[in-house]
Amino acid sequence: MDRDSRIRLSTTASLRREAFGALVYSYKDRRLLFIDQRLLPYLTSDGTRTVGEIADSLAAEGNIPGSRLEKTMALLEGLRRKGVLDEL
């Protein structure tokens, strides 16, 4: 996923917060996914900020090390390919 992408949860998916993060259910393929809490700021985004802006604010708050950014982008791209996230 590109840092300039704007994303939001797909209309074919639902998110339920849990103690470990969240569960995402995809109505498209009836898949249940376990989501780490570090991905929640991206999955709850309304698309007004870019993925890079979200990552920068998390890094500034000390919630995500810069070294994890590349892995996070790969995870978000995987969720987009599975139809969980829509790129705006």
C-alpha atoms as a PDB file:
ATOM      1  CA  MET A   1       0.000   0.000   0.000  1.00  0.00           C
ATOM      2  CA  ASP A   2       1.213   3.474  -0.813  1.00  0.00           C
ATOM      3  CA  ARG A   3       1.610   6.131   1.905  1.00  0.00           C
ATOM      4  CA  ASP A   4      -0.607   8.483  -0.127  1.00  0.00           C
ATOM      5  CA  SER A   5      -3.533   6.043  -0.184  1.00  0.00           C
ATOM      6  CA  ARG A   6      -6.756   6.883   1.591  1.00  0.00           C
ATOM      7  CA  ILE A   7      -8.637   3.885   2.923  1.00  0.00           C
ATOM      8  CA  ARG A   8     -11.714   2.906   4.869  1.00  0.00           C
ATOM      9  CA  LEU A   9     -13.414  -0.311   5.895  1.00  0.00           C
ATOM     10  CA  SER A  10     -15.301  -1.834   2.997  1.00  0.00           C
ATOM     11  CA  THR A  11     -19.089  -1.850   3.018  1.00  0.00           C
ATOM     12  CA  THR A  12     -18.834  -5.642   2.598  1.00  0.00           C
ATOM     13  CA  ALA A  13     -17.027  -6.020   5.941  1.00  0.00           C
ATOM     14  CA  SER A  14     -17.861  -5.391   9.565  1.00  0.00           C
ATOM     15  CA  LEU A  15     -15.531  -4.706  12.464  1.00  0.00           C
ATOM     16  CA  ARG A  16     -16.045  -5.752  16.069  1.00  0.00           C
ATOM     17  CA  ARG A  17     -13.570  -4.505  18.667  1.00  0.00           C
ATOM     18  CA  GLU A  18     -12.116  -7.075  21.033  1.00  0.00           C
ATOM     19  CA  ALA A  19      -9.531  -6.992  23.834  1.00  0.00           C
ATOM     20  CA  PHE A  20      -6.774  -8.120  21.435  1.00  0.00           C
ATOM     21  CA  GLY A  21      -7.790  -5.698  18.669  1.00  0.00           C
ATOM     22  CA  ALA A  22     -10.747  -6.616  16.493  1.00  0.00           C
ATOM     23  CA  LEU A  23     -12.538  -9.203  14.448  1.00  0.00           C
ATOM     24  CA  VAL A  24     -13.391  -8.382  10.862  1.00  0.00           C
ATOM     25  CA  TYR A  25     -16.038 -10.369   9.066  1.00  0.00           C
ATOM     26  CA  SER A  26     -16.138 -10.235   5.283  1.00  0.00           C
ATOM     27  CA  TYR A  27     -19.616 -10.732   3.880  1.00  0.00           C
ATOM     28  CA  LYS A  28     -18.040 -11.111   0.461  1.00  0.00           C
ATOM     29  CA  ASP A  29     -16.361 -14.453   1.141  1.00  0.00           C
ATOM     30  CA  ARG A  30     -17.554 -15.216   4.683  1.00  0.00           C
ATOM     31  CA  ARG A  31     -14.060 -14.874   6.075  1.00  0.00           C
ATOM     32  CA  LEU A  32     -13.345 -13.998   9.705  1.00  0.00           C
ATOM     33  CA  LEU A  33     -10.061 -12.193  10.343  1.00  0.00           C
ATOM     34  CA  PHE A  34      -8.306 -11.423  13.603  1.00  0.00           C
ATOM     35  CA  ILE A  35      -6.897  -7.881  13.562  1.00  0.00           C
ATOM     36  CA  ASP A  36      -4.082  -6.692  15.795  1.00  0.00           C
ATOM     37  CA  GLN A  37      -4.899  -3.530  17.742  1.00  0.00           C
ATOM     38  CA  ARG A  38      -2.042  -1.672  15.994  1.00  0.00           C
ATOM     39  CA  LEU A  39      -4.033  -1.844  12.739  1.00  0.00           C
ATOM     40  CA  LEU A  40      -7.234  -0.385  14.205  1.00  0.00           C
ATOM     41  CA  PRO A  41      -6.419   3.272  13.445  1.00  0.00           C
ATOM     42  CA  TYR A  42      -6.232   2.337   9.766  1.00  0.00           C
ATOM     43  CA  LEU A  43      -9.360   0.158   9.730  1.00  0.00           C
ATOM     44  CA  THR A  44     -11.422   2.781  11.539  1.00  0.00           C
ATOM     45  CA  SER A  45     -10.234   5.560   9.239  1.00  0.00           C
ATOM     46  CA  ASP A  46     -12.907   7.499   7.387  1.00  0.00           C
ATOM     47  CA  GLY A  47     -10.574   8.177   4.490  1.00  0.00           C
ATOM     48  CA  THR A  48      -9.916  11.831   5.268  1.00  0.00           C
ATOM     49  CA  ARG A  49      -6.255  11.199   6.153  1.00  0.00           C
ATOM     50  CA  THR A  50      -3.737   9.251   4.105  1.00  0.00           C
ATOM     51  CA  VAL A  51      -2.211   6.030   5.349  1.00  0.00           C
ATOM     52  CA  GLY A  52       1.080   7.908   5.711  1.00  0.00           C
ATOM     53  CA  GLU A  53      -0.523  10.614   7.842  1.00  0.00           C
ATOM     54  CA  ILE A  54      -2.018   7.981  10.138  1.00  0.00           C
ATOM     55  CA  ALA A  55       1.350   6.205  10.374  1.00  0.00           C
ATOM     56  CA  ASP A  56       3.184   9.461  11.099  1.00  0.00           C
ATOM     57  CA  SER A  57       0.797  10.367  13.913  1.00  0.00           C
ATOM     58  CA  LEU A  58       1.114   6.874  15.429  1.00  0.00           C
ATOM     59  CA  ALA A  59       4.919   7.089  15.232  1.00  0.00           C
ATOM     60  CA  ALA A  60       4.903  10.556  16.829  1.00  0.00           C
ATOM     61  CA  GLU A  61       2.806   9.195  19.704  1.00  0.00           C
ATOM     62  CA  GLY A  62       5.223   6.270  20.103  1.00  0.00           C
ATOM     63  CA  ASN A  63       2.578   3.715  19.146  1.00  0.00           C
ATOM     64  CA  ILE A  64       4.384   2.294  16.129  1.00  0.00           C
ATOM     65  CA  PRO A  65       8.119   2.119  15.492  1.00  0.00           C
ATOM     66  CA  GLY A  66       9.250   3.375  12.096  1.00  0.00           C
ATOM     67  CA  SER A  67      10.805  -0.020  11.398  1.00  0.00           C
ATOM     68  CA  ARG A  68       7.328  -1.626  11.370  1.00  0.00           C
ATOM     69  CA  LEU A  69       5.915   0.768   8.806  1.00  0.00           C
ATOM     70  CA  GLU A  70       6.852  -1.338   5.784  1.00  0.00           C
ATOM     71  CA  LYS A  71       5.274  -4.455   7.322  1.00  0.00           C
ATOM     72  CA  THR A  72       2.153  -2.464   8.233  1.00  0.00           C
ATOM     73  CA  MET A  73       1.813  -1.246   4.636  1.00  0.00           C
ATOM     74  CA  ALA A  74       2.086  -4.843   3.401  1.00  0.00           C
ATOM     75  CA  LEU A  75      -0.610  -5.974   5.857  1.00  0.00           C
ATOM     76  CA  LEU A  76      -2.929  -3.169   4.761  1.00  0.00           C
ATOM     77  CA  GLU A  77      -2.382  -4.080   1.111  1.00  0.00           C
ATOM     78  CA  GLY A  78      -3.287  -7.679   1.925  1.00  0.00           C
ATOM     79  CA  LEU A  79      -6.509  -6.536   3.594  1.00  0.00           C
ATOM     80  CA  ARG A  80      -7.311  -4.400   0.552  1.00  0.00           C
ATOM     81  CA  ARG A  81      -6.800  -7.378  -1.752  1.00  0.00           C
ATOM     82  CA  LYS A  82      -9.098  -9.478   0.425  1.00  0.00           C
ATOM     83  CA  GLY A  83     -11.812  -6.830   0.079  1.00  0.00           C
ATOM     84  CA  VAL A  84     -11.714  -5.709   3.718  1.00  0.00           C
ATOM     85  CA  LEU A  85     -10.441  -2.207   2.902  1.00  0.00           C
ATOM     86  CA  ASP A  86     -11.494   0.099   0.112  1.00  0.00           C
ATOM     87  CA  GLU A  87      -8.923   2.450  -1.374  1.00  0.00           C
ATOM     88  CA  LEU A  88     -10.552   5.793  -2.066  1.00  0.00           C
END
